[in-house]
């Protein structure tokens, strides 16, 4: 009987170890899920999983704003889709001396579309952007119509373009979320991806250095585009890739964009596994994102209203239903963590019963 009591005590100790393991795992899981999102200086920001398109972080993601030279992401995409990058182009009069960032093109100068593409994406040449637009569509106005049609096709309902270079215009705007989705589409084009990931290039006798400092500062950075005007502020679209998975970060009107993008990308990298993190908003509210409910959550985050060429706003009732379903699917707690806590509680209960039985057996043995 005494041996039986000792055996029961050993079993109880094993149950105690199991309970400690479950409780520890639950604590680690909870701590990981509640890791605070970075605090960024931007007026609006977004972080996407570039592979799946899932939103990992957003701050005022649907807020329209001027986007400066990040407009050139769309220009570059259309130029690459048009092809013929070896085709020679004569610089038009309208492009010579265009204000802002410049490739300093000369009247009548002849370059290839490829050279102009590097000049536009690395050196942010407004003159290169306008020259490319006229080369592809025959006129700036025709090219801008093509830009807006492509934005509609990509579902960028809060985006509208007024020019191919991004100089300030009340009709040239987008949002952090739309810019992130545009970058995701642009990076699927192999030619454009090769250009925006280039640090330096020599084109048409010019040495061009990419304005995107993250290409030097952040391991795995593959682009994408900087932007700045006095009214728009500093705008940055970046992307980083690790182990075949990609993150895309966007900040708009951000005086500390290099640091903020490093923080956003660092924050997102641990979540590129099978289980997605929450959609993080400033203020601490978030919800678990899975393959099952990510669509509803993306609809919840969808911009209110439509772009000028993309139709009117979505029905509010549909948005409310989507938000309600997303909230219902999320529930009030993490189910995986709940089951873990239940297992721990069960192990603790088993331990209590086992210890009580051991004490009774030991008493009878005496």
Protein backbone atom coordinates (compact mmCIF):
# COMPACT_ATOMS: atom_id res chain seq x y z
CA UNK A 1 0.00 0.00 0.00
CA UNK A 2 2.86 2.33 0.79
CA UNK A 3 4.41 1.71 -2.64
CA UNK A 4 1.05 2.37 -4.26
CA UNK A 5 0.86 5.73 -2.48
CA UNK A 6 4.35 6.67 -3.63
CA UNK A 7 3.46 5.73 -7.22
CA UNK A 8 0.38 7.93 -7.03
CA UNK A 9 2.47 10.82 -5.75
CA UNK A 10 4.88 10.38 -8.66
CA UNK A 11 1.92 10.45 -11.07
CA UNK A 12 0.65 13.59 -9.38
CA UNK A 13 4.05 15.25 -9.79
CA UNK A 14 3.98 14.40 -13.50
CA UNK A 15 0.54 15.96 -13.75
CA UNK A 16 1.89 19.07 -12.03
CA UNK A 17 4.69 19.34 -14.62
CA UNK A 18 2.14 18.99 -17.42
CA UNK A 19 0.00 21.72 -15.90
CA UNK A 20 3.01 24.03 -15.63
CA UNK A 21 3.88 23.32 -19.28
CA UNK A 22 0.38 24.12 -20.50
CA UNK A 23 0.15 27.27 -18.43
CA UNK A 24 3.59 28.42 -19.62
CA UNK A 25 2.68 27.78 -23.25
CA UNK A 26 -0.53 29.73 -22.81
CA UNK A 27 1.39 32.64 -21.32
CA UNK A 28 3.95 32.65 -24.15
CA UNK A 29 1.22 32.46 -26.80
CA UNK A 30 -0.73 35.28 -25.18
CA UNK A 31 2.36 37.46 -24.86
CA UNK A 32 3.22 36.95 -28.54
CA UNK A 33 -0.28 37.84 -29.68
CA UNK A 34 -0.36 40.95 -27.50
CA UNK A 35 2.99 42.30 -28.69
CA UNK A 36 2.39 46.03 -29.10
CA UNK A 37 2.47 47.47 -32.62
CA UNK A 38 5.04 50.16 -33.36
CA UNK A 39 4.19 53.81 -32.77
CA UNK A 40 4.81 55.65 -36.04
CA UNK A 41 4.99 59.38 -36.73
CA UNK A 42 3.05 59.14 -39.99
CA UNK A 43 -0.41 60.60 -40.44
CA UNK A 44 -1.36 57.30 -42.08
CA UNK A 45 0.40 53.96 -42.48
CA UNK A 46 -0.16 50.35 -43.53
CA UNK A 47 1.71 47.07 -43.43
CA UNK A 48 0.73 44.18 -45.71
CA UNK A 49 1.84 40.62 -46.14
CA UNK A 50 3.03 41.04 -49.71
CA UNK A 51 2.41 37.38 -50.50
CA UNK A 52 -1.20 37.07 -49.33
CA UNK A 53 -2.27 40.72 -49.24
CA UNK A 54 -3.38 40.45 -45.61
CA UNK A 55 -3.19 43.62 -43.54
CA UNK A 56 -0.93 43.33 -40.49
CA UNK A 57 -1.06 46.94 -39.30
CA UNK A 58 -3.00 50.05 -40.26
CA UNK A 59 -3.22 53.65 -39.08
CA UNK A 60 -5.76 55.85 -40.86
CA UNK A 61 -5.37 53.50 -43.78
CA UNK A 62 -8.40 54.83 -45.71
CA UNK A 63 -7.48 58.51 -45.35
CA UNK A 64 -6.94 60.21 -48.70
CA UNK A 65 -3.75 62.22 -49.11
CA UNK A 66 -1.37 63.65 -51.66
CA UNK A 67 1.17 60.99 -52.65
CA UNK A 68 3.90 62.93 -54.47
CA UNK A 69 6.39 60.77 -56.41
CA UNK A 70 4.96 57.45 -55.21
CA UNK A 71 2.57 58.15 -58.12
CA UNK A 72 5.44 56.86 -60.27
CA UNK A 73 4.81 53.31 -59.06
CA UNK A 74 1.72 53.24 -61.26
CA UNK A 75 3.58 55.01 -64.10
CA UNK A 76 6.37 52.44 -63.91
CA UNK A 77 3.93 49.54 -63.86
CA UNK A 78 2.17 50.76 -67.01
CA UNK A 79 5.47 51.40 -68.80
CA UNK A 80 6.68 47.86 -68.02
CA UNK A 81 3.36 46.38 -69.10
CA UNK A 82 3.60 48.33 -72.37
CA UNK A 83 7.00 46.75 -72.96
CA UNK A 84 9.55 47.71 -75.60
CA UNK A 85 11.99 49.04 -73.01
CA UNK A 86 14.70 49.12 -75.69
CA UNK A 87 12.64 51.49 -77.82
CA UNK A 88 14.22 54.92 -78.30
CA UNK A 89 12.30 58.03 -77.29
CA UNK A 90 12.79 61.69 -78.14
CA UNK A 91 12.42 64.04 -75.18
CA UNK A 92 9.36 66.29 -75.80
CA UNK A 93 9.42 70.04 -75.16
CA UNK A 94 6.90 69.69 -72.32
CA UNK A 95 9.32 67.55 -70.30
CA UNK A 96 12.29 69.90 -70.49
CA UNK A 97 12.76 71.92 -67.31
CA UNK A 98 9.80 70.35 -65.54
CA UNK A 99 9.80 71.41 -61.86
CA UNK A 100 10.79 69.13 -59.01
CA UNK A 101 13.12 66.14 -59.12
CA UNK A 102 14.70 65.85 -62.53
CA UNK A 103 16.84 63.70 -64.75
CA UNK A 104 17.81 66.97 -66.48
CA UNK A 105 16.74 65.84 -69.92
CA UNK A 106 17.57 68.07 -72.87
CA UNK A 107 15.30 69.03 -75.74
CA UNK A 108 15.60 66.55 -78.58
CA UNK A 109 17.71 64.12 -76.53
CA UNK A 110 17.19 60.46 -77.38
CA UNK A 111 17.04 57.76 -74.69
CA UNK A 112 15.49 54.31 -74.37
CA UNK A 113 12.37 53.68 -72.33
CA UNK A 114 14.53 51.53 -70.07
CA UNK A 115 16.92 54.40 -69.33
CA UNK A 116 14.01 56.71 -68.62
CA UNK A 117 12.44 54.08 -66.33
CA UNK A 118 15.59 53.94 -64.22
CA UNK A 119 15.77 57.73 -64.19
CA UNK A 120 12.17 57.93 -62.99
CA UNK A 121 12.26 55.20 -60.33
CA UNK A 122 15.78 55.74 -58.92
CA UNK A 123 16.33 59.48 -59.37
CA UNK A 124 12.59 60.32 -59.30
CA UNK A 125 12.82 62.34 -62.51
CA UNK A 126 9.55 64.13 -63.25
CA UNK A 127 10.83 64.87 -66.75
CA UNK A 128 11.43 61.15 -67.30
CA UNK A 129 7.89 60.33 -66.09
CA UNK A 130 6.27 62.75 -68.51
CA UNK A 131 8.46 61.59 -71.41
CA UNK A 132 7.49 57.97 -70.73
CA UNK A 133 3.79 58.83 -70.48
CA UNK A 134 3.79 60.54 -73.87
CA UNK A 135 5.83 57.70 -75.38
CA UNK A 136 3.39 55.02 -74.18
CA UNK A 137 0.02 56.74 -74.77
CA UNK A 138 0.69 59.61 -77.14
CA UNK A 139 -0.23 62.31 -74.63
CA UNK A 140 -0.16 62.95 -70.90
CA UNK A 141 -3.97 63.05 -70.71
CA UNK A 142 -4.33 59.67 -72.43
CA UNK A 143 -1.77 58.12 -70.12
CA UNK A 144 -3.51 59.50 -67.03
CA UNK A 145 -6.78 57.92 -68.19
CA UNK A 146 -4.92 54.62 -68.46
CA UNK A 147 -3.54 55.08 -64.94
CA UNK A 148 -7.04 55.53 -63.52
CA UNK A 149 -8.41 52.55 -65.44
CA UNK A 150 -5.61 50.39 -64.05
CA UNK A 151 -6.31 51.67 -60.53
CA UNK A 152 -9.95 50.63 -60.92
CA UNK A 153 -8.91 47.20 -62.19
CA UNK A 154 -6.74 46.75 -59.08
CA UNK A 155 -9.61 47.76 -56.79
CA UNK A 156 -7.94 50.97 -55.62
CA UNK A 157 -11.22 52.70 -54.90
CA UNK A 158 -9.68 55.60 -52.96
CA UNK A 159 -7.06 56.45 -55.59
CA UNK A 160 -7.14 58.94 -58.45
CA UNK A 161 -4.33 60.17 -60.67
CA UNK A 162 -4.01 63.57 -62.35
CA UNK A 163 -0.48 63.26 -63.76
CA UNK A 164 2.27 60.65 -64.23
CA UNK A 165 4.84 62.20 -61.85
CA UNK A 166 3.00 63.18 -58.65
CA UNK A 167 3.41 66.95 -58.55
CA UNK A 168 0.79 68.36 -56.19
CA UNK A 169 -2.78 68.32 -57.47
CA UNK A 170 -6.04 68.01 -55.60
CA UNK A 171 -7.01 65.28 -58.06
CA UNK A 172 -3.85 63.20 -57.50
CA UNK A 173 -4.35 61.25 -54.28
CA UNK A 174 -4.41 57.83 -52.67
CA UNK A 175 -4.37 56.14 -49.25
CA UNK A 176 -1.84 54.08 -47.32
CA UNK A 177 -3.78 50.87 -47.97
CA UNK A 178 -4.24 51.57 -51.68
CA UNK A 179 -0.55 52.41 -52.11
CA UNK A 180 0.38 49.13 -50.41
CA UNK A 181 -1.89 47.19 -52.77
CA UNK A 182 -0.47 49.07 -55.75
CA UNK A 183 3.06 48.17 -54.63
CA UNK A 184 2.02 44.53 -54.27
CA UNK A 185 0.81 44.49 -57.89
CA UNK A 186 3.88 46.39 -59.12
CA UNK A 187 6.30 43.96 -57.49
CA UNK A 188 4.70 41.09 -59.39
CA UNK A 189 6.16 42.62 -62.55
CA UNK A 190 9.69 41.23 -62.83
CA UNK A 191 11.06 44.16 -64.85
CA UNK A 192 9.79 46.81 -62.46
CA UNK A 193 10.88 44.80 -59.46
CA UNK A 194 14.43 44.64 -60.85
CA UNK A 195 14.46 48.42 -61.35
CA UNK A 196 13.17 49.47 -57.90
CA UNK A 197 15.60 47.12 -56.14
CA UNK A 198 18.62 48.65 -57.94
CA UNK A 199 20.86 50.85 -55.80
CA UNK A 200 22.82 52.59 -58.55
CA UNK A 201 22.80 52.53 -62.34
CA UNK A 202 24.48 54.30 -65.22
CA UNK A 203 21.96 55.31 -67.90
CA UNK A 204 22.46 57.60 -70.88
CA UNK A 205 25.73 58.87 -69.44
CA UNK A 206 24.16 59.63 -66.06
CA UNK A 207 24.98 57.93 -62.78
CA UNK A 208 21.73 57.42 -60.92
CA UNK A 209 21.49 56.65 -57.20
CA UNK A 210 18.28 55.30 -55.71
CA UNK A 211 16.67 57.71 -53.22
CA UNK A 212 15.43 54.76 -51.14
CA UNK A 213 18.01 54.53 -48.33
CA UNK A 214 16.44 51.33 -46.97
CA UNK A 215 18.10 49.43 -49.82
CA UNK A 216 21.36 50.02 -47.94
CA UNK A 217 20.04 50.09 -44.39
CA UNK A 218 17.56 47.21 -44.18
CA UNK A 219 18.48 43.60 -44.89
CA UNK A 220 16.21 42.12 -47.56
CA UNK A 221 14.80 45.45 -48.79
CA UNK A 222 13.72 45.23 -52.45
CA UNK A 223 12.19 48.69 -53.07
CA UNK A 224 9.98 50.55 -53.68
CA UNK A 225 9.66 54.37 -53.96
CA UNK A 226 10.14 57.60 -52.06
CA UNK A 227 8.10 60.77 -52.45
CA UNK A 228 8.14 64.32 -51.18
CA UNK A 229 6.57 67.71 -51.79
CA UNK A 230 6.13 70.56 -49.33
CA UNK A 231 2.38 69.99 -49.14
CA UNK A 232 2.42 66.17 -49.19
CA UNK A 233 5.31 65.72 -46.77
CA UNK A 234 7.57 62.68 -46.78
CA UNK A 235 6.01 59.53 -48.26
CA UNK A 236 7.64 56.13 -48.46
CA UNK A 237 6.61 52.79 -49.90
CA UNK A 238 9.01 49.99 -48.97
CA UNK A 239 9.17 46.22 -49.32
CA UNK A 240 11.38 43.58 -47.76
CA UNK A 241 11.70 39.88 -48.46
CA UNK A 242 12.90 37.07 -46.23
CA UNK A 243 12.75 33.34 -46.98
CA UNK A 244 10.48 33.86 -49.97
CA UNK A 245 7.92 35.92 -48.04
CA UNK A 246 7.38 39.65 -48.53
CA UNK A 247 6.25 42.61 -46.44
CA UNK A 248 5.08 45.94 -47.85
CA UNK A 249 5.05 49.07 -45.68
CA UNK A 250 3.60 52.51 -46.46
CA UNK A 251 3.80 55.75 -44.54
CA UNK A 252 2.28 59.07 -45.61
CA UNK A 253 3.36 62.45 -44.24
CA UNK A 254 5.99 60.94 -41.97
CA UNK A 255 8.95 63.06 -40.77
CA UNK A 256 10.72 59.95 -39.44
CA UNK A 257 10.00 57.50 -42.24
CA UNK A 258 13.29 55.54 -42.32
CA UNK A 259 13.01 54.67 -38.65
CA UNK A 260 9.28 53.97 -38.84
CA UNK A 261 9.65 51.61 -41.81
CA UNK A 262 12.40 49.71 -40.01
CA UNK A 263 10.06 49.33 -37.02
CA UNK A 264 7.10 48.26 -39.19
CA UNK A 265 9.11 45.69 -41.14
CA UNK A 266 10.71 44.33 -37.95
CA UNK A 267 7.25 44.06 -36.42
CA UNK A 268 5.83 42.16 -39.38
CA UNK A 269 8.62 39.67 -40.06
CA UNK A 270 7.89 37.31 -37.10
CA UNK A 271 4.29 36.97 -38.34
CA UNK A 272 5.06 35.54 -41.77
CA UNK A 273 4.40 31.98 -40.60
CA UNK A 274 1.23 29.93 -40.99
CA UNK A 275 -0.72 31.82 -38.32
CA UNK A 276 -1.44 35.45 -39.10
CA UNK A 277 -1.28 38.18 -36.46
CA UNK A 278 -4.06 40.55 -35.69
CA UNK A 279 -4.90 43.52 -37.85
CA UNK A 280 -3.28 46.12 -35.66
CA UNK A 281 -4.72 49.58 -35.22
CA UNK A 282 -3.31 52.35 -33.09
CA UNK A 283 -5.03 52.40 -29.72
CA UNK A 284 -4.58 48.68 -29.14
CA UNK A 285 -7.75 47.26 -30.73
CA UNK A 286 -7.15 44.27 -32.93
CA UNK A 287 -8.62 41.00 -34.09
CA UNK A 288 -7.19 37.66 -35.07
CA UNK A 289 -6.77 37.21 -38.82
CA UNK A 290 -6.98 33.80 -40.41
CA UNK A 291 -7.47 32.57 -43.94
CA UNK A 292 -11.13 32.02 -43.08
CA UNK A 293 -11.98 35.53 -41.95
CA UNK A 294 -9.34 37.76 -43.55
CA UNK A 295 -11.70 38.65 -46.39
CA UNK A 296 -14.31 40.00 -44.01
CA UNK A 297 -11.71 41.98 -42.13
CA UNK A 298 -10.34 43.45 -45.35
CA UNK A 299 -13.88 44.48 -46.25
CA UNK A 300 -14.21 46.09 -42.84
CA UNK A 301 -11.05 48.09 -43.54
CA UNK A 302 -12.15 48.98 -47.08
CA UNK A 303 -12.27 52.72 -47.80
CA UNK A 304 -15.54 54.61 -47.47
CA UNK A 305 -16.60 55.90 -50.88
CA UNK A 306 -15.11 55.40 -54.31
CA UNK A 307 -12.48 57.04 -56.45
CA UNK A 308 -13.55 59.54 -59.08
CA UNK A 309 -13.48 56.92 -61.83
CA UNK A 310 -14.43 53.89 -59.78
CA UNK A 311 -18.12 54.30 -58.99
CA UNK A 312 -19.82 55.34 -55.78
CA UNK A 313 -19.51 54.16 -52.18
CA UNK A 314 -20.28 50.65 -51.06
CA UNK A 315 -23.65 50.24 -49.31
CA UNK A 316 -23.29 50.95 -45.60
CA UNK A 317 -25.50 47.99 -44.73
CA UNK A 318 -23.07 45.63 -46.43
CA UNK A 319 -20.16 47.18 -44.54
CA UNK A 320 -21.97 46.81 -41.23
CA UNK A 321 -22.76 43.17 -41.96
CA UNK A 322 -19.14 42.49 -42.86
CA UNK A 323 -17.91 44.18 -39.69
CA UNK A 324 -20.44 42.26 -37.58
CA UNK A 325 -19.44 38.92 -39.11
CA UNK A 326 -15.75 39.71 -38.68
CA UNK A 327 -16.30 40.57 -35.03
CA UNK A 328 -18.38 37.44 -34.49
CA UNK A 329 -15.73 35.22 -36.05
CA UNK A 330 -13.01 36.80 -33.95
CA UNK A 331 -15.04 36.24 -30.79
CA UNK A 332 -14.09 37.64 -27.43
CA UNK A 333 -11.01 35.49 -27.00
CA UNK A 334 -8.42 33.39 -28.72
CA UNK A 335 -9.92 29.91 -29.04
CA UNK A 336 -6.55 28.21 -29.25
CA UNK A 337 -5.47 29.93 -26.04
CA UNK A 338 -8.81 29.04 -24.42
CA UNK A 339 -8.33 25.33 -25.18
CA UNK A 340 -4.80 25.51 -23.82
CA UNK A 341 -6.06 27.02 -20.58
CA UNK A 342 -8.75 24.35 -20.36
CA UNK A 343 -6.11 21.62 -20.74
CA UNK A 344 -4.05 23.26 -18.01
CA UNK A 345 -7.07 23.47 -15.72
CA UNK A 346 -7.82 19.80 -16.35
CA UNK A 347 -4.25 18.82 -15.52
CA UNK A 348 -4.42 20.84 -12.30
CA UNK A 349 -7.69 19.16 -11.32
CA UNK A 350 -6.15 15.73 -11.95
CA UNK A 351 -3.22 16.71 -9.77
CA UNK A 352 -5.55 17.71 -6.92
CA UNK A 353 -7.48 14.41 -7.07
CA UNK A 354 -4.26 12.39 -7.28
CA UNK A 355 -2.76 14.08 -4.22
CA UNK A 356 -5.96 13.55 -2.24
CA UNK A 357 -6.02 9.85 -3.18
CA UNK A 358 -2.35 9.48 -2.20
CA UNK A 359 -3.00 10.99 1.23
CA UNK A 360 -5.94 8.61 1.84
CA UNK A 361 -3.91 5.55 0.81
CA UNK A 362 -1.01 6.60 3.01
CA UNK A 363 -3.39 7.08 5.96
CA UNK A 364 -4.90 3.56 5.54
CA UNK A 365 -1.43 2.05 5.19
CA UNK A 366 -0.54 3.40 8.60
